[in-house]
Structures are given as C-alpha cells and as structure tokens.
Amino acid sequence: MSGSTSGRTSLRDVLARARFYVREFSGEAAYDRYVAHARSHDPDAQVLSRREFERARTDAREADPREGFRCC
C-alpha cells in the first residue's frame, strides 16, 4: 500500500512543479513577488491591485523598445 501513497505524492509533486512553471512562464507569479517584496520593505505600504500592477507592467513593456512590442 505504501507504493500507492508514494505514487500520489509523486503525482502531487509533479503537478505542483508544473503549476510553478506555468505561473512563472505566464507571468502570474510576478504580482505575488511584487506584493512580497513591497511588504518585506514596508509592511504598511499600500500595494497596487493586480489590475493596476498589470497595467503598469504592460505600460513599462510597451515604452521599452528593447521588449519588441513596437518597432518605432
């Protein structure tokens, strides 16, 4: 029976790792890192909402020609 338990743990580990990579690849984890960073420097600081964060992030990317969003 311990074989099935380790099989479930292994599947759980694989799924957790897959979730981690999907969140990193899609950029979803960036907001979580931003909040953790802001809270670590100033626990009372007001942080942007996810929507505000994504808007600022998109604006910054579009303003930087090295990102390839705009040619001119």
C-alpha atoms as a PDB file:
ATOM      1  CA  MET A   1       0.000   0.000   0.000  1.00  0.00           C
ATOM      2  CA  SER A   2       2.926   2.367   0.538  1.00  0.00           C
ATOM      3  CA  GLY A   3       3.570   2.202  -3.215  1.00  0.00           C
ATOM      4  CA  SER A   4       0.255   3.901  -3.962  1.00  0.00           C
ATOM      5  CA  THR A   5       0.916   6.561  -1.326  1.00  0.00           C
ATOM      6  CA  SER A   6       4.282   7.413  -2.827  1.00  0.00           C
ATOM      7  CA  GLY A   7       2.633   7.397  -6.258  1.00  0.00           C
ATOM      8  CA  ARG A   8       0.126  10.004  -5.100  1.00  0.00           C
ATOM      9  CA  THR A   9       2.866  12.074  -3.517  1.00  0.00           C
ATOM     10  CA  SER A  10       4.877  11.843  -6.694  1.00  0.00           C
ATOM     11  CA  LEU A  11       1.896  12.931  -8.810  1.00  0.00           C
ATOM     12  CA  ARG A  12       1.215  15.770  -6.389  1.00  0.00           C
ATOM     13  CA  ASP A  13       4.853  16.878  -6.633  1.00  0.00           C
ATOM     14  CA  VAL A  14       4.743  16.756 -10.431  1.00  0.00           C
ATOM     15  CA  LEU A  15       1.552  18.794 -10.524  1.00  0.00           C
ATOM     16  CA  ALA A  16       2.949  21.353  -8.060  1.00  0.00           C
ATOM     17  CA  ARG A  17       6.067  21.755 -10.173  1.00  0.00           C
ATOM     18  CA  ALA A  18       4.014  22.069 -13.350  1.00  0.00           C
ATOM     19  CA  ARG A  19       1.865  24.749 -11.695  1.00  0.00           C
ATOM     20  CA  PHE A  20       5.001  26.597 -10.612  1.00  0.00           C
ATOM     21  CA  TYR A  21       6.420  26.648 -14.140  1.00  0.00           C
ATOM     22  CA  VAL A  22       3.115  27.660 -15.730  1.00  0.00           C
ATOM     23  CA  ARG A  23       2.756  30.566 -13.268  1.00  0.00           C
ATOM     24  CA  GLU A  24       6.354  31.666 -13.940  1.00  0.00           C
ATOM     25  CA  PHE A  25       6.023  31.335 -17.707  1.00  0.00           C
ATOM     26  CA  SER A  26       2.705  33.194 -17.853  1.00  0.00           C
ATOM     27  CA  GLY A  27       3.901  35.975 -15.537  1.00  0.00           C
ATOM     28  CA  GLU A  28       1.176  35.303 -12.972  1.00  0.00           C
ATOM     29  CA  ALA A  29       3.749  34.882 -10.196  1.00  0.00           C
ATOM     30  CA  ALA A  30       5.175  38.366 -10.831  1.00  0.00           C
ATOM     31  CA  TYR A  31       2.371  40.012  -8.863  1.00  0.00           C
ATOM     32  CA  ASP A  32       2.919  37.690  -5.899  1.00  0.00           C
ATOM     33  CA  ARG A  33       6.632  38.540  -5.935  1.00  0.00           C
ATOM     34  CA  TYR A  34       5.827  42.265  -6.134  1.00  0.00           C
ATOM     35  CA  VAL A  35       3.499  42.087  -3.106  1.00  0.00           C
ATOM     36  CA  ALA A  36       6.012  40.039  -1.095  1.00  0.00           C
ATOM     37  CA  HIS A  37       8.785  42.490  -1.957  1.00  0.00           C
ATOM     38  CA  ALA A  38       6.687  45.543  -1.094  1.00  0.00           C
ATOM     39  CA  ARG A  39       5.557  44.021   2.207  1.00  0.00           C
ATOM     40  CA  SER A  40       9.091  42.988   3.158  1.00  0.00           C
ATOM     41  CA  HIS A  41      10.363  46.563   2.737  1.00  0.00           C
ATOM     42  CA  ASP A  42       7.378  48.331   4.296  1.00  0.00           C
ATOM     43  CA  PRO A  43       4.610  46.213   5.843  1.00  0.00           C
ATOM     44  CA  ASP A  44       2.277  49.228   5.932  1.00  0.00           C
ATOM     45  CA  ALA A  45       2.857  50.274   2.329  1.00  0.00           C
ATOM     46  CA  GLN A  46      -0.131  50.388   0.029  1.00  0.00           C
ATOM     47  CA  VAL A  47       0.387  47.961  -2.845  1.00  0.00           C
ATOM     48  CA  LEU A  48      -1.137  48.159  -6.289  1.00  0.00           C
ATOM     49  CA  SER A  49      -4.120  45.984  -7.081  1.00  0.00           C
ATOM     50  CA  ARG A  50      -3.430  43.166  -9.526  1.00  0.00           C
ATOM     51  CA  ARG A  51      -5.142  45.175 -12.256  1.00  0.00           C
ATOM     52  CA  GLU A  52      -3.061  48.287 -11.530  1.00  0.00           C
ATOM     53  CA  PHE A  53       0.100  46.188 -11.382  1.00  0.00           C
ATOM     54  CA  GLU A  54      -0.593  44.525 -14.733  1.00  0.00           C
ATOM     55  CA  ARG A  55      -1.418  47.893 -16.341  1.00  0.00           C
ATOM     56  CA  ALA A  56       1.834  49.439 -15.067  1.00  0.00           C
ATOM     57  CA  ARG A  57       3.779  46.377 -16.192  1.00  0.00           C
ATOM     58  CA  THR A  58       2.259  46.494 -19.678  1.00  0.00           C
ATOM     59  CA  ASP A  59       2.880  50.231 -19.972  1.00  0.00           C
ATOM     60  CA  ALA A  60       6.520  49.755 -18.963  1.00  0.00           C
ATOM     61  CA  ARG A  61       6.998  46.970 -21.509  1.00  0.00           C
ATOM     62  CA  GLU A  62       5.414  48.985 -24.315  1.00  0.00           C
ATOM     63  CA  ALA A  63       7.556  52.015 -23.504  1.00  0.00           C
ATOM     64  CA  ASP A  64      10.777  49.994 -23.773  1.00  0.00           C
ATOM     65  CA  PRO A  65      11.718  49.396 -27.437  1.00  0.00           C
ATOM     66  CA  ARG A  66      14.033  46.548 -26.417  1.00  0.00           C
ATOM     67  CA  GLU A  67      10.997  44.466 -25.482  1.00  0.00           C
ATOM     68  CA  GLY A  68       9.929  44.215 -29.112  1.00  0.00           C
ATOM     69  CA  PHE A  69       6.322  45.338 -28.724  1.00  0.00           C
ATOM     70  CA  ARG A  70       6.820  48.296 -31.006  1.00  0.00           C
ATOM     71  CA  CYS A  71       9.155  48.808 -33.894  1.00  0.00           C
ATOM     72  CA  CYS A  72       9.193  52.611 -33.833  1.00  0.00           C
END
